[in-house]
Protein backbone atom coordinates (compact mmCIF):
# COMPACT_ATOMS: atom_id res chain seq x y z
CA MET A 1 0.00 0.00 0.00
CA ASP A 2 1.08 3.52 -0.73
CA TYR A 3 2.37 4.95 2.55
CA ASN A 4 1.16 8.46 1.64
CA THR A 5 -2.39 7.23 1.01
CA GLU A 6 -2.43 5.40 4.35
CA LEU A 7 -1.25 8.54 6.19
CA ARG A 8 -3.88 10.68 4.46
CA PHE A 9 -6.56 8.09 5.28
CA GLN A 10 -5.58 8.06 8.97
CA LYS A 11 -5.66 11.87 9.02
CA LEU A 12 -9.13 11.77 7.44
CA ILE A 13 -10.33 9.45 10.20
CA GLN A 14 -8.91 11.78 12.85
CA GLU A 15 -10.66 14.78 11.24
CA LEU A 16 -14.02 12.98 11.07
CA LYS A 17 -13.91 11.12 14.39
CA PRO A 18 -15.18 14.02 16.55
CA ARG A 19 -18.31 14.29 14.35
CA PHE A 20 -19.52 10.72 14.85
CA ASP A 21 -20.28 8.60 17.89
CA MET A 22 -18.78 5.45 16.39
CA ASP A 23 -15.45 3.87 15.56
CA LEU A 24 -14.38 4.84 12.07
CA ASP A 25 -12.64 2.45 9.73
CA LEU A 26 -12.81 1.65 6.03
CA THR A 27 -16.18 -0.10 6.28
CA ALA A 28 -17.70 2.65 8.45
CA LEU A 29 -16.66 5.35 5.99
CA ILE A 30 -18.08 3.41 3.03
CA TYR A 31 -21.33 3.08 4.98
CA LEU A 32 -21.40 6.82 5.82
CA ILE A 33 -20.86 7.70 2.16
CA GLY A 34 -23.75 5.41 1.18
CA VAL A 35 -26.03 6.97 3.80
CA ASN A 36 -25.07 10.43 2.60
CA GLU A 37 -25.68 9.57 -1.05
CA VAL A 38 -29.03 7.84 -0.54
CA GLY A 39 -30.36 10.95 1.19
CA PHE A 40 -32.45 9.30 3.94
CA GLY A 41 -30.09 10.37 6.69
CA PHE A 42 -29.01 8.23 9.59
CA ARG A 43 -31.41 5.40 10.47
CA SER A 44 -31.32 1.65 10.94
CA TYR A 45 -30.72 -0.24 7.69
CA THR A 46 -31.07 -3.94 6.97
CA LYS A 47 -27.96 -5.84 5.98
CA GLN A 48 -29.15 -5.93 2.34
CA GLU A 49 -29.77 -2.17 2.35
CA LYS A 50 -26.25 -1.62 3.68
CA MET A 51 -24.82 -3.75 0.88
CA ASP A 52 -26.87 -1.82 -1.68
CA LEU A 53 -25.56 1.47 -0.30
CA MET A 54 -21.95 0.35 -0.71
CA HIS A 55 -21.98 -1.40 -4.09
CA TYR A 56 -24.52 0.37 -6.23
CA GLU A 57 -25.05 3.78 -7.82
CA PHE A 58 -28.23 5.78 -7.38
CA SER A 59 -30.56 5.45 -10.37
CA HIS A 60 -33.92 7.02 -9.44
CA ARG A 61 -36.63 7.24 -6.79
CA ASP A 62 -39.94 5.44 -7.15
CA ASP A 63 -43.40 6.88 -6.40
CA GLN A 64 -42.94 6.09 -2.69
CA ASN A 65 -39.60 7.95 -2.68
CA TRP A 66 -37.51 4.80 -2.26
CA PRO A 67 -34.19 4.98 -4.07
CA HIS A 68 -33.29 2.48 -6.77
CA PHE A 69 -29.73 1.61 -7.72
CA THR A 70 -27.74 0.24 -10.61
CA LEU A 71 -24.83 -2.13 -10.05
CA LEU A 72 -21.57 -0.30 -10.61
CA GLN A 73 -19.21 -1.71 -13.20
CA PRO A 74 -17.22 -4.58 -11.76
CA LEU A 75 -13.68 -3.85 -10.71
CA PRO A 76 -10.80 -5.80 -12.13
CA THR A 77 -9.66 -8.66 -9.96
CA LEU A 78 -7.74 -7.14 -7.07
CA ASN A 79 -6.19 -8.72 -4.03
CA ASP A 80 -7.30 -7.42 -0.62
CA LYS A 81 -4.37 -5.02 -0.32
CA GLU A 82 -4.99 -3.48 -3.75
CA GLN A 83 -8.73 -3.22 -3.10
CA ASN A 84 -8.21 -1.48 0.26
CA HIS A 85 -5.79 0.97 -1.35
CA LEU A 86 -8.26 1.80 -4.14
CA LEU A 87 -11.11 2.26 -1.64
CA LYS A 88 -9.04 4.50 0.62
CA GLU A 89 -8.07 6.73 -2.31
CA ALA A 90 -11.72 6.96 -3.41
CA ILE A 91 -12.89 7.76 0.14
CA ILE A 92 -10.29 10.51 0.51
CA ASP A 93 -11.36 11.99 -2.83
CA TYR A 94 -15.05 11.80 -1.86
CA PHE A 95 -14.64 13.69 1.42
CA ILE A 96 -12.52 16.35 -0.29
CA GLU A 97 -14.97 16.69 -3.21
CA LYS A 98 -17.92 17.06 -0.82
CA GLU A 99 -15.88 19.64 1.12
CA TYR A 100 -16.07 17.79 4.45
CA VAL A 101 -12.29 18.16 4.60
CA THR A 102 -9.72 19.98 2.52
CA ALA A 103 -6.72 18.46 0.79
CA GLU A 104 -4.52 20.65 2.97
CA MET A 105 -5.97 19.05 6.11
CA LEU A 106 -4.71 15.69 4.90
CA LEU A 107 -1.21 16.70 3.81
CA THR A 108 1.48 14.39 5.08
């Protein structure tokens, strides 16, 4: 794993930790991104809903305002280390793009 990405990811966790009453790790941040993107806010989700939030892209809302998703394009075969690195880079980019943190906050 890229040492710089890992340092930036740990700094991101430290910046976000005071805002949430939960331990933050890779899975927790993926979940928080899904909750943010679906737009329902924080609530209890079933295991299947959690999986949908993490692996699908928003498509549309039905007449009852429930979101519908499309499966994202499959990733190339990656080992666990490569997958974690890719996810951490994407999470860092997401939180910067949404302006929850700045790139400067995560400088190593």
